[in-house]
Amino acid sequence: MRIGWIGGVERYEVQLERLAKAAGHELEYHRGDVRGRGAQSLEGLVERCQLIVIVTETNSHGAVQLARKLARQRGRGTLLLRKSGIARFARLLEAIDQATAQGLFHADGSMSSGYEAALLGA
């Protein structure tokens, strides 16, 4: 699964990407800055990713609102987290695998209702 990660601590980007790759996923990171070309790059991320994780503590209200709007327009799943780190992301990857096994994520990129609850237990 291709996961879009918006916000969070930038120094964790490489570690998050490695964890995702080791679990068989791809991670695309966006700082959450929507000034200048930031909004365009955020739109591209949402277009390419199946699940959009938005870390709210380190994001502006504008970035959170824009990410949610773009995800809704494109039918992407979203997960809002107040904060997150390496360990939480590792648990999230495990929860994604479990949700996939339960049939909540489909090969065509669509998601069944209830995927949020399955992932928030991470």
Protein backbone atom coordinates (compact mmCIF):
# COMPACT_ATOMS: atom_id res chain seq x y z
CA MET A 1 0.00 0.00 0.00
CA ARG A 2 1.20 3.51 -0.72
CA ILE A 3 0.84 5.65 2.40
CA GLY A 4 0.92 9.44 2.41
CA TRP A 5 2.29 10.95 5.64
CA ILE A 6 1.56 14.63 6.20
CA GLY A 7 3.33 16.45 9.02
CA GLY A 8 5.24 15.04 11.91
CA VAL A 9 8.88 15.34 12.81
CA GLU A 10 10.99 15.67 9.67
CA ARG A 11 14.02 13.93 11.13
CA TYR A 12 11.99 10.69 11.25
CA GLU A 13 11.25 10.70 7.51
CA VAL A 14 14.01 8.27 6.49
CA GLN A 15 13.25 5.90 9.37
CA LEU A 16 9.53 5.91 8.55
CA GLU A 17 10.29 5.16 4.89
CA ARG A 18 12.56 2.25 5.88
CA LEU A 19 9.93 0.78 8.21
CA ALA A 20 7.27 1.04 5.52
CA LYS A 21 9.52 -0.59 2.91
CA ALA A 22 10.43 -3.42 5.29
CA ALA A 23 6.71 -4.06 5.82
CA GLY A 24 6.03 -4.13 2.07
CA HIS A 25 4.55 -0.63 1.83
CA GLU A 26 5.66 2.66 0.32
CA LEU A 27 5.66 5.91 2.27
CA GLU A 28 5.53 9.36 0.77
CA TYR A 29 6.25 12.20 3.21
CA HIS A 30 5.03 15.82 3.09
CA ARG A 31 6.04 18.43 5.66
CA GLY A 32 2.55 19.94 5.72
CA ASP A 33 3.69 23.29 4.40
CA VAL A 34 1.06 24.57 1.95
CA ARG A 35 2.74 27.87 1.08
CA GLY A 36 4.18 28.31 -2.39
CA ARG A 37 4.28 24.97 -4.21
CA GLY A 38 3.45 23.08 -1.02
CA ALA A 39 -0.25 22.86 -1.86
CA GLN A 40 0.55 21.41 -5.30
CA SER A 41 2.91 18.82 -3.87
CA LEU A 42 0.29 17.91 -1.25
CA GLU A 43 -2.27 17.43 -4.01
CA GLY A 44 0.14 15.14 -5.87
CA LEU A 45 0.76 13.08 -2.74
CA VAL A 46 -2.97 12.58 -2.17
CA GLU A 47 -3.40 11.60 -5.82
CA ARG A 48 -0.69 8.91 -5.58
CA CYS A 49 -1.46 7.42 -2.15
CA GLN A 50 -4.19 5.08 -0.97
CA LEU A 51 -4.13 6.01 2.73
CA ILE A 52 -3.41 9.54 3.95
CA VAL A 53 -2.13 9.90 7.53
CA ILE A 54 -2.35 13.47 8.83
CA VAL A 55 -0.40 14.34 11.99
CA THR A 56 -2.30 17.31 13.43
CA GLU A 57 0.02 18.46 16.23
CA THR A 58 2.74 19.61 13.84
CA ASN A 59 0.50 20.80 11.00
CA SER A 60 -1.21 24.10 10.33
CA HIS A 61 -5.00 24.14 10.23
CA GLY A 62 -4.76 24.98 6.54
CA ALA A 63 -2.68 21.90 5.77
CA VAL A 64 -5.01 19.61 7.71
CA GLN A 65 -8.11 21.06 6.04
CA LEU A 66 -6.58 20.93 2.56
CA ALA A 67 -5.36 17.35 2.99
CA ARG A 68 -8.77 16.20 4.22
CA LYS A 69 -10.55 18.00 1.39
CA LEU A 70 -8.27 16.55 -1.29
CA ALA A 71 -8.54 13.04 0.17
CA ARG A 72 -12.33 13.27 0.30
CA GLN A 73 -12.49 14.51 -3.32
CA ARG A 74 -10.36 11.59 -4.49
CA GLY A 75 -11.93 8.93 -2.31
CA ARG A 76 -8.78 8.30 -0.29
CA GLY A 77 -8.86 6.97 3.24
CA THR A 78 -7.65 9.35 5.92
CA LEU A 79 -6.38 8.83 9.41
CA LEU A 80 -5.93 11.81 11.74
CA LEU A 81 -3.35 11.42 14.48
CA ARG A 82 -2.62 14.10 17.08
CA LYS A 83 1.01 13.01 17.20
CA SER A 84 3.07 10.06 16.10
CA GLY A 85 6.58 8.68 16.22
CA ILE A 86 8.54 5.66 15.08
CA ALA A 87 6.95 3.13 17.45
CA ARG A 88 3.42 4.33 16.69
CA PHE A 89 4.11 4.10 12.96
CA ALA A 90 5.38 0.52 13.35
CA ARG A 91 2.12 -0.38 15.15
CA LEU A 92 0.15 1.37 12.41
CA LEU A 93 1.86 -0.76 9.75
CA GLU A 94 0.91 -3.91 11.67
CA ALA A 95 -2.68 -2.66 11.92
CA ILE A 96 -2.74 -1.99 8.15
CA ASP A 97 -1.66 -5.58 7.50
CA GLN A 98 -4.34 -6.89 9.87
CA ALA A 99 -7.01 -4.66 8.28
CA THR A 100 -5.95 -5.89 4.84
CA ALA A 101 -6.26 -9.50 6.01
CA GLN A 102 -9.76 -8.68 7.29
CA GLY A 103 -10.69 -7.36 3.85
CA LEU A 104 -10.94 -3.69 4.86
CA PHE A 105 -8.47 -2.62 2.15
CA HIS A 106 -8.99 -3.83 -1.39
CA ALA A 107 -6.59 -4.36 -4.29
CA ASP A 108 -8.29 -1.60 -6.33
CA GLY A 109 -7.40 0.95 -3.64
CA SER A 110 -10.86 1.21 -2.10
CA MET A 111 -11.53 0.77 1.59
CA SER A 112 -14.43 -0.68 3.52
CA SER A 113 -16.08 1.29 6.27
CA GLY A 114 -14.54 0.51 9.61
CA TYR A 115 -10.92 0.76 8.48
CA GLU A 116 -10.41 3.79 10.78
CA ALA A 117 -11.38 1.84 13.89
CA ALA A 118 -9.07 -1.00 12.90
CA LEU A 119 -6.14 1.39 12.46
CA LEU A 120 -6.76 3.57 15.50
CA GLY A 121 -6.18 0.58 17.74
CA ALA A 122 -2.53 0.78 16.67
